[in-house]
Amino acid sequence: MTILSLDPSTTWIGFAVGDERPQIIEAGRLVPSSGAGHALDRVRSMSYDILTLIEQYNPDLVLIETPAPQAPRLANRGQATYG
């Protein structure tokens, strides 16, 4: 089973491709093209990179990290947790 894991933000997206052993096949970050200034343009640029990863590795499962509900409240204290 191939797994694609994504850790998105508005400036870049961290990713890892792995399998059930667990073994990392590839990892890195997707950075928008240099001409993408507006947030929507950055997201659009990175979405094409995600599609390329999906086409290249044909994952059986895609995991996307999202902030835990309490993260915005705790972020100012340096105590943010994600789940």
Protein backbone atom coordinates (compact mmCIF):
# COMPACT_ATOMS: atom_id res chain seq x y z
CA MET A 1 0.00 0.00 0.00
CA THR A 2 1.36 3.41 -0.98
CA ILE A 3 0.57 6.36 1.29
CA LEU A 4 0.85 10.06 0.43
CA SER A 5 0.91 12.34 3.48
CA LEU A 6 0.46 16.12 3.13
CA ASP A 7 1.14 18.91 5.64
CA PRO A 8 -0.30 22.05 3.99
CA SER A 9 0.14 25.74 4.74
CA THR A 10 -0.39 28.85 2.62
CA THR A 11 3.34 29.17 1.88
CA TRP A 12 4.35 25.55 1.14
CA ILE A 13 3.21 21.94 1.56
CA GLY A 14 5.31 19.29 3.22
CA PHE A 15 4.84 15.78 1.84
CA ALA A 16 5.97 12.22 2.31
CA VAL A 17 5.32 9.14 0.24
CA GLY A 18 5.69 5.86 2.05
CA ASP A 19 4.44 2.34 2.42
CA GLU A 20 3.11 0.09 5.17
CA ARG A 21 6.53 -1.27 6.25
CA PRO A 22 6.92 1.80 7.11
CA GLN A 23 9.50 3.05 4.65
CA ILE A 24 9.73 6.56 3.23
CA ILE A 25 10.00 6.50 -0.54
CA GLU A 26 10.24 10.27 -1.03
CA ALA A 27 9.78 13.36 1.15
CA GLY A 28 10.09 17.06 0.63
CA ARG A 29 8.10 20.21 0.24
CA LEU A 30 6.11 21.74 -2.55
CA VAL A 31 6.85 25.43 -3.01
CA PRO A 32 4.71 27.63 -5.27
CA SER A 33 6.19 29.09 -8.41
CA SER A 34 8.05 32.35 -7.86
CA GLY A 35 5.37 34.35 -9.71
CA ALA A 36 2.56 33.20 -7.39
CA GLY A 37 2.14 36.15 -5.05
CA HIS A 38 -1.50 35.98 -3.93
CA ALA A 39 -2.51 33.12 -1.60
CA LEU A 40 -4.95 31.71 -4.17
CA ASP A 41 -2.21 31.68 -6.83
CA ARG A 42 0.16 29.88 -4.43
CA VAL A 43 -2.46 27.25 -3.61
CA ARG A 44 -3.26 26.76 -7.30
CA SER A 45 0.43 26.33 -8.12
CA MET A 46 0.94 23.77 -5.36
CA SER A 47 -2.23 21.86 -6.32
CA TYR A 48 -0.63 21.03 -9.67
CA ASP A 49 2.39 19.64 -7.81
CA ILE A 50 0.09 17.48 -5.66
CA LEU A 51 -1.58 16.10 -8.79
CA THR A 52 1.86 15.25 -10.17
CA LEU A 53 2.68 13.31 -6.98
CA ILE A 54 -0.62 11.45 -7.22
CA GLU A 55 0.00 10.55 -10.86
CA GLN A 56 3.59 9.50 -10.14
CA TYR A 57 2.94 7.31 -7.06
CA ASN A 58 -0.74 6.35 -7.47
CA PRO A 59 -1.29 6.26 -3.67
CA ASP A 60 -3.84 3.94 -2.09
CA LEU A 61 -4.32 6.41 0.76
CA VAL A 62 -3.86 10.19 1.07
CA LEU A 63 -3.51 11.71 4.55
CA ILE A 64 -3.84 15.47 5.07
CA GLU A 65 -2.84 17.07 8.35
CA THR A 66 -5.33 19.54 9.79
CA PRO A 67 -4.96 21.71 12.91
CA ALA A 68 -6.68 20.48 16.06
CA PRO A 69 -9.65 22.64 17.13
CA GLN A 70 -7.71 24.15 20.05
CA ALA A 71 -4.65 25.07 17.94
CA PRO A 72 -5.62 28.71 17.16
CA ARG A 73 -6.27 29.40 20.84
CA LEU A 74 -2.95 27.88 21.97
CA ALA A 75 -0.77 29.05 19.08
CA ASN A 76 0.01 32.38 20.76
CA ARG A 77 1.40 30.53 23.78
CA GLY A 78 3.66 28.23 21.78
CA GLN A 79 1.53 25.23 22.75
CA ALA A 80 -0.20 24.41 19.47
CA THR A 81 -1.02 20.76 18.95
CA TYR A 82 -2.08 19.16 15.72
CA GLY A 83 -4.04 16.02 15.05
